[in-house]
Amino acid sequence: MELTGATWRKSTRSGNNGGNCVEVADNLPGVVGVRDSKDRQGPALVFGPDAWRAFVRDLSAR
């Protein structure tokens, strides 16, 4: 999956936790990209928007 044009961002809640963060790109149509903030040239996971919303909703419920 090509993520050219992705705008990556870290959570505002990531704070200073030793660099253990992920970045999310949700600006592309039909996909949400997730990558390791320490390895920006490395691989990224790709989710559909519905799957990503369900994941975030589940985390928020905990």
PDB file of N, CA and C in Angstrom:
ATOM      1  N   MET A   1       0.851  -1.178   0.000  1.00  0.00           N
ATOM      2  CA  MET A   1       0.000   0.000   0.000  1.00  0.00           C
ATOM      3  C   MET A   1       0.890   1.231   0.000  1.00  0.00           C
ATOM      4  N   GLU A   2       0.661   2.085  -0.927  1.00  0.00           N
ATOM      5  CA  GLU A   2       1.433   3.329  -1.060  1.00  0.00           C
ATOM      6  C   GLU A   2       0.844   4.394  -0.139  1.00  0.00           C
ATOM      7  N   LEU A   3       1.674   4.981   0.692  1.00  0.00           N
ATOM      8  CA  LEU A   3       1.218   6.016   1.620  1.00  0.00           C
ATOM      9  C   LEU A   3       1.804   7.378   1.274  1.00  0.00           C
ATOM     10  N   THR A   4       2.140   7.568   0.001  1.00  0.00           N
ATOM     11  CA  THR A   4       2.642   8.863  -0.440  1.00  0.00           C
ATOM     12  C   THR A   4       1.582   9.917  -0.181  1.00  0.00           C
ATOM     13  N   GLY A   5       1.987  11.015   0.382  1.00  0.00           N
ATOM     14  CA  GLY A   5       1.054  12.097   0.705  1.00  0.00           C
ATOM     15  C   GLY A   5       0.474  11.997   2.100  1.00  0.00           C
ATOM     16  N   ALA A   6       0.876  10.957   2.842  1.00  0.00           N
ATOM     17  CA  ALA A   6       0.379  10.800   4.208  1.00  0.00           C
ATOM     18  C   ALA A   6       0.905  11.924   5.097  1.00  0.00           C
ATOM     19  N   THR A   7       0.042  12.445   5.929  1.00  0.00           N
ATOM     20  CA  THR A   7       0.414  13.428   6.932  1.00  0.00           C
ATOM     21  C   THR A   7       0.431  12.707   8.267  1.00  0.00           C
ATOM     22  N   TRP A   8       1.630  12.487   8.796  1.00  0.00           N
ATOM     23  CA  TRP A   8       1.801  11.706  10.015  1.00  0.00           C
ATOM     24  C   TRP A   8       1.725  12.599  11.236  1.00  0.00           C
ATOM     25  N   ARG A   9       1.119  12.067  12.308  1.00  0.00           N
ATOM     26  CA  ARG A   9       1.044  12.817  13.571  1.00  0.00           C
ATOM     27  C   ARG A   9       1.126  11.855  14.739  1.00  0.00           C
ATOM     28  N   LYS A  10       1.665  12.349  15.855  1.00  0.00           N
ATOM     29  CA  LYS A  10       1.691  11.587  17.098  1.00  0.00           C
ATOM     30  C   LYS A  10       0.561  12.097  17.978  1.00  0.00           C
ATOM     31  N   SER A  11       0.104  11.249  18.860  1.00  0.00           N
ATOM     32  CA  SER A  11      -0.924  11.651  19.808  1.00  0.00           C
ATOM     33  C   SER A  11      -0.408  12.768  20.699  1.00  0.00           C
ATOM     34  N   THR A  12      -1.272  13.692  21.036  1.00  0.00           N
ATOM     35  CA  THR A  12      -0.896  14.746  21.982  1.00  0.00           C
ATOM     36  C   THR A  12      -0.674  14.159  23.369  1.00  0.00           C
ATOM     37  N   ARG A  13      -1.145  12.936  23.602  1.00  0.00           N
ATOM     38  CA  ARG A  13      -0.968  12.268  24.891  1.00  0.00           C
ATOM     39  C   ARG A  13       0.333  11.479  24.967  1.00  0.00           C
ATOM     40  N   SER A  14       1.101  11.444  23.886  1.00  0.00           N
ATOM     41  CA  SER A  14       2.311  10.625  23.882  1.00  0.00           C
ATOM     42  C   SER A  14       3.353  11.150  24.847  1.00  0.00           C
ATOM     43  N   GLY A  15       3.414  12.446  25.043  1.00  0.00           N
ATOM     44  CA  GLY A  15       4.331  13.019  26.020  1.00  0.00           C
ATOM     45  C   GLY A  15       5.763  12.578  25.818  1.00  0.00           C
ATOM     46  N   ASN A  16       6.481  12.461  26.910  1.00  0.00           N
ATOM     47  CA  ASN A  16       7.880  12.040  26.871  1.00  0.00           C
ATOM     48  C   ASN A  16       7.980  10.657  27.501  1.00  0.00           C
ATOM     49  N   ASN A  17       7.773   9.632  26.685  1.00  0.00           N
ATOM     50  CA  ASN A  17       7.789   8.268  27.215  1.00  0.00           C
ATOM     51  C   ASN A  17       8.945   7.457  26.630  1.00  0.00           C
ATOM     52  N   GLY A  18      10.040   8.103  26.417  1.00  0.00           N
ATOM     53  CA  GLY A  18      11.211   7.398  25.915  1.00  0.00           C
ATOM     54  C   GLY A  18      11.167   7.079  24.439  1.00  0.00           C
ATOM     55  N   GLY A  19      10.285   7.748  23.708  1.00  0.00           N
ATOM     56  CA  GLY A  19      10.218   7.547  22.268  1.00  0.00           C
ATOM     57  C   GLY A  19       9.384   6.356  21.834  1.00  0.00           C
ATOM     58  N   ASN A  20       8.664   5.746  22.759  1.00  0.00           N
ATOM     59  CA  ASN A  20       7.822   4.602  22.426  1.00  0.00           C
ATOM     60  C   ASN A  20       6.453   5.081  21.941  1.00  0.00           C
ATOM     61  N   CYS A  21       6.423   5.591  20.724  1.00  0.00           N
ATOM     62  CA  CYS A  21       5.197   6.164  20.187  1.00  0.00           C
ATOM     63  C   CYS A  21       4.915   5.615  18.796  1.00  0.00           C
ATOM     64  N   VAL A  22       3.682   5.724  18.416  1.00  0.00           N
ATOM     65  CA  VAL A  22       3.307   5.444  17.038  1.00  0.00           C
ATOM     66  C   VAL A  22       2.809   6.736  16.422  1.00  0.00           C
ATOM     67  N   GLU A  23       2.866   6.797  15.104  1.00  0.00           N
ATOM     68  CA  GLU A  23       2.326   7.925  14.362  1.00  0.00           C
ATOM     69  C   GLU A  23       1.196   7.401  13.493  1.00  0.00           C
ATOM     70  N   VAL A  24       0.196   8.235  13.312  1.00  0.00           N
ATOM     71  CA  VAL A  24      -0.984   7.865  12.538  1.00  0.00           C
ATOM     72  C   VAL A  24      -1.148   8.854  11.396  1.00  0.00           C
ATOM     73  N   ALA A  25      -1.501   8.329  10.240  1.00  0.00           N
ATOM     74  CA  ALA A  25      -1.850   9.169   9.081  1.00  0.00           C
ATOM     75  C   ALA A  25      -3.278   8.822   8.699  1.00  0.00           C
ATOM     76  N   ASP A  26      -4.182   9.770   8.899  1.00  0.00           N
ATOM     77  CA  ASP A  26      -5.588   9.522   8.589  1.00  0.00           C
ATOM     78  C   ASP A  26      -6.133  10.493   7.550  1.00  0.00           C
ATOM     79  N   ASN A  27      -5.242  11.037   6.755  1.00  0.00           N
ATOM     80  CA  ASN A  27      -5.653  12.017   5.750  1.00  0.00           C
ATOM     81  C   ASN A  27      -5.844  11.425   4.353  1.00  0.00           C
ATOM     82  N   LEU A  28      -5.575  10.133   4.187  1.00  0.00           N
ATOM     83  CA  LEU A  28      -5.699   9.515   2.866  1.00  0.00           C
ATOM     84  C   LEU A  28      -7.062   8.840   2.733  1.00  0.00           C
ATOM     85  N   PRO A  29      -7.661   8.885   1.555  1.00  0.00           N
ATOM     86  CA  PRO A  29      -8.988   8.286   1.398  1.00  0.00           C
ATOM     87  C   PRO A  29      -8.960   6.761   1.518  1.00  0.00           C
ATOM     88  N   GLY A  30      -9.781   6.247   2.402  1.00  0.00           N
ATOM     89  CA  GLY A  30      -9.956   4.803   2.508  1.00  0.00           C
ATOM     90  C   GLY A  30      -8.947   4.037   3.314  1.00  0.00           C
ATOM     91  N   VAL A  31      -7.927   4.698   3.862  1.00  0.00           N
ATOM     92  CA  VAL A  31      -6.910   3.992   4.654  1.00  0.00           C
ATOM     93  C   VAL A  31      -6.445   4.844   5.833  1.00  0.00           C
ATOM     94  N   VAL A  32      -5.975   4.173   6.861  1.00  0.00           N
ATOM     95  CA  VAL A  32      -5.320   4.813   8.001  1.00  0.00           C
ATOM     96  C   VAL A  32      -3.988   4.104   8.173  1.00  0.00           C
ATOM     97  N   GLY A  33      -2.898   4.861   8.119  1.00  0.00           N
ATOM     98  CA  GLY A  33      -1.566   4.304   8.279  1.00  0.00           C
ATOM     99  C   GLY A  33      -1.083   4.458   9.709  1.00  0.00           C
ATOM    100  N   VAL A  34      -0.332   3.485  10.191  1.00  0.00           N
ATOM    101  CA  VAL A  34       0.248   3.519  11.539  1.00  0.00           C
ATOM    102  C   VAL A  34       1.693   3.056  11.420  1.00  0.00           C
ATOM    103  N   ARG A  35       2.611   3.829  12.005  1.00  0.00           N
ATOM    104  CA  ARG A  35       4.035   3.465  11.955  1.00  0.00           C
ATOM    105  C   ARG A  35       4.719   3.790  13.270  1.00  0.00           C
ATOM    106  N   ASP A  36       5.889   3.206  13.455  1.00  0.00           N
ATOM    107  CA  ASP A  36       6.732   3.435  14.626  1.00  0.00           C
ATOM    108  C   ASP A  36       7.412   4.790  14.456  1.00  0.00           C
ATOM    109  N   SER A  37       7.264   5.664  15.426  1.00  0.00           N
ATOM    110  CA  SER A  37       7.841   7.006  15.317  1.00  0.00           C
ATOM    111  C   SER A  37       9.370   6.980  15.325  1.00  0.00           C
ATOM    112  N   LYS A  38       9.971   5.894  15.827  1.00  0.00           N
ATOM    113  CA  LYS A  38      11.431   5.790  15.848  1.00  0.00           C
ATOM    114  C   LYS A  38      11.994   5.250  14.539  1.00  0.00           C
ATOM    115  N   ASP A  39      11.132   4.699  13.685  1.00  0.00           N
ATOM    116  CA  ASP A  39      11.569   4.097  12.419  1.00  0.00           C
ATOM    117  C   ASP A  39      10.668   4.596  11.290  1.00  0.00           C
ATOM    118  N   ARG A  40      10.763   5.861  11.001  1.00  0.00           N
ATOM    119  CA  ARG A  40       9.863   6.494  10.027  1.00  0.00           C
ATOM    120  C   ARG A  40      10.023   5.970   8.612  1.00  0.00           C
ATOM    121  N   GLN A  41      11.153   5.381   8.297  1.00  0.00           N
ATOM    122  CA  GLN A  41      11.356   4.808   6.967  1.00  0.00           C
ATOM    123  C   GLN A  41      10.989   3.327   6.924  1.00  0.00           C
ATOM    124  N   GLY A  42      10.660   2.784   8.077  1.00  0.00           N
ATOM    125  CA  GLY A  42      10.323   1.369   8.169  1.00  0.00           C
ATOM    126  C   GLY A  42       8.899   1.095   7.706  1.00  0.00           C
ATOM    127  N   PRO A  43       8.439  -0.106   7.952  1.00  0.00           N
ATOM    128  CA  PRO A  43       7.113  -0.504   7.489  1.00  0.00           C
ATOM    129  C   PRO A  43       5.998   0.209   8.246  1.00  0.00           C
ATOM    130  N   ALA A  44       4.849   0.267   7.626  1.00  0.00           N
ATOM    131  CA  ALA A  44       3.658   0.839   8.247  1.00  0.00           C
ATOM    132  C   ALA A  44       2.532  -0.178   8.143  1.00  0.00           C
ATOM    133  N   LEU A  45       1.683  -0.167   9.140  1.00  0.00           N
ATOM    134  CA  LEU A  45       0.466  -0.964   9.092  1.00  0.00           C
ATOM    135  C   LEU A  45      -0.615  -0.120   8.443  1.00  0.00           C
ATOM    136  N   VAL A  46      -1.530  -0.765   7.737  1.00  0.00           N
ATOM    137  CA  VAL A  46      -2.611  -0.050   7.067  1.00  0.00           C
ATOM    138  C   VAL A  46      -3.933  -0.674   7.491  1.00  0.00           C
ATOM    139  N   PHE A  47      -4.864   0.178   7.901  1.00  0.00           N
ATOM    140  CA  PHE A  47      -6.186  -0.246   8.334  1.00  0.00           C
ATOM    141  C   PHE A  47      -7.252   0.481   7.528  1.00  0.00           C
ATOM    142  N   GLY A  48      -8.399  -0.129   7.416  1.00  0.00           N
ATOM    143  CA  GLY A  48      -9.556   0.569   6.868  1.00  0.00           C
ATOM    144  C   GLY A  48     -10.087   1.519   7.927  1.00  0.00           C
ATOM    145  N   PRO A  49     -10.752   2.595   7.520  1.00  0.00           N
ATOM    146  CA  PRO A  49     -11.255   3.570   8.495  1.00  0.00           C
ATOM    147  C   PRO A  49     -12.196   2.962   9.545  1.00  0.00           C
ATOM    148  N   ASP A  50     -13.059   2.033   9.142  1.00  0.00           N
ATOM    149  CA  ASP A  50     -13.983   1.422  10.108  1.00  0.00           C
ATOM    150  C   ASP A  50     -13.228   0.592  11.145  1.00  0.00           C
ATOM    151  N   ALA A  51     -12.244  -0.167  10.708  1.00  0.00           N
ATOM    152  CA  ALA A  51     -11.444  -0.968  11.638  1.00  0.00           C
ATOM    153  C   ALA A  51     -10.675  -0.065  12.597  1.00  0.00           C
ATOM    154  N   TRP A  52     -10.131   1.034  12.085  1.00  0.00           N
ATOM    155  CA  TRP A  52      -9.377   1.962  12.942  1.00  0.00           C
ATOM    156  C   TRP A  52     -10.294   2.601  13.979  1.00  0.00           C
ATOM    157  N   ARG A  53     -11.480   3.046  13.556  1.00  0.00           N
ATOM    158  CA  ARG A  53     -12.427   3.643  14.507  1.00  0.00           C
ATOM    159  C   ARG A  53     -12.806   2.641  15.591  1.00  0.00           C
ATOM    160  N   ALA A  54     -13.038   1.388  15.219  1.00  0.00           N
ATOM    161  CA  ALA A  54     -13.384   0.359  16.207  1.00  0.00           C
ATOM    162  C   ALA A  54     -12.235   0.149  17.188  1.00  0.00           C
ATOM    163  N   PHE A  55     -11.001   0.129  16.699  1.00  0.00           N
ATOM    164  CA  PHE A  55      -9.822  -0.033  17.550  1.00  0.00           C
ATOM    165  C   PHE A  55      -9.718   1.119  18.551  1.00  0.00           C
ATOM    166  N   VAL A  56      -9.832   2.345  18.062  1.00  0.00           N
ATOM    167  CA  VAL A  56      -9.729   3.518  18.940  1.00  0.00           C
ATOM    168  C   VAL A  56     -10.884   3.538  19.946  1.00  0.00           C
ATOM    169  N   ARG A  57     -12.083   3.199  19.498  1.00  0.00           N
ATOM    170  CA  ARG A  57     -13.240   3.161  20.381  1.00  0.00           C
ATOM    171  C   ARG A  57     -13.030   2.136  21.492  1.00  0.00           C
ATOM    172  N   ASP A  58     -12.468   0.960  21.145  1.00  0.00           N
ATOM    173  CA  ASP A  58     -12.211  -0.065  22.147  1.00  0.00           C
ATOM    174  C   ASP A  58     -11.171   0.403  23.173  1.00  0.00           C
ATOM    175  N   LEU A  59     -10.120   1.042  22.686  1.00  0.00           N
ATOM    176  CA  LEU A  59      -9.111   1.562  23.612  1.00  0.00           C
ATOM    177  C   LEU A  59      -9.682   2.626  24.533  1.00  0.00           C
ATOM    178  N   SER A  60     -10.528   3.480  23.985  1.00  0.00           N
ATOM    179  CA  SER A  60     -11.120   4.570  24.782  1.00  0.00           C
ATOM    180  C   SER A  60     -12.048   4.037  25.857  1.00  0.00           C
ATOM    181  N   ALA A  61     -12.633   2.867  25.634  1.00  0.00           N
ATOM    182  CA  ALA A  61     -13.573   2.286  26.584  1.00  0.00           C
ATOM    183  C   ALA A  61     -12.876   1.638  27.781  1.00  0.00           C
ATOM    184  N   ARG A  62     -11.569   1.490  27.709  1.00  0.00           N
ATOM    185  CA  ARG A  62     -10.833   0.814  28.797  1.00  0.00           C
ATOM    186  C   ARG A  62     -10.483   1.741  29.911  1.00  0.00           C
TER     187      ARG A  62
END
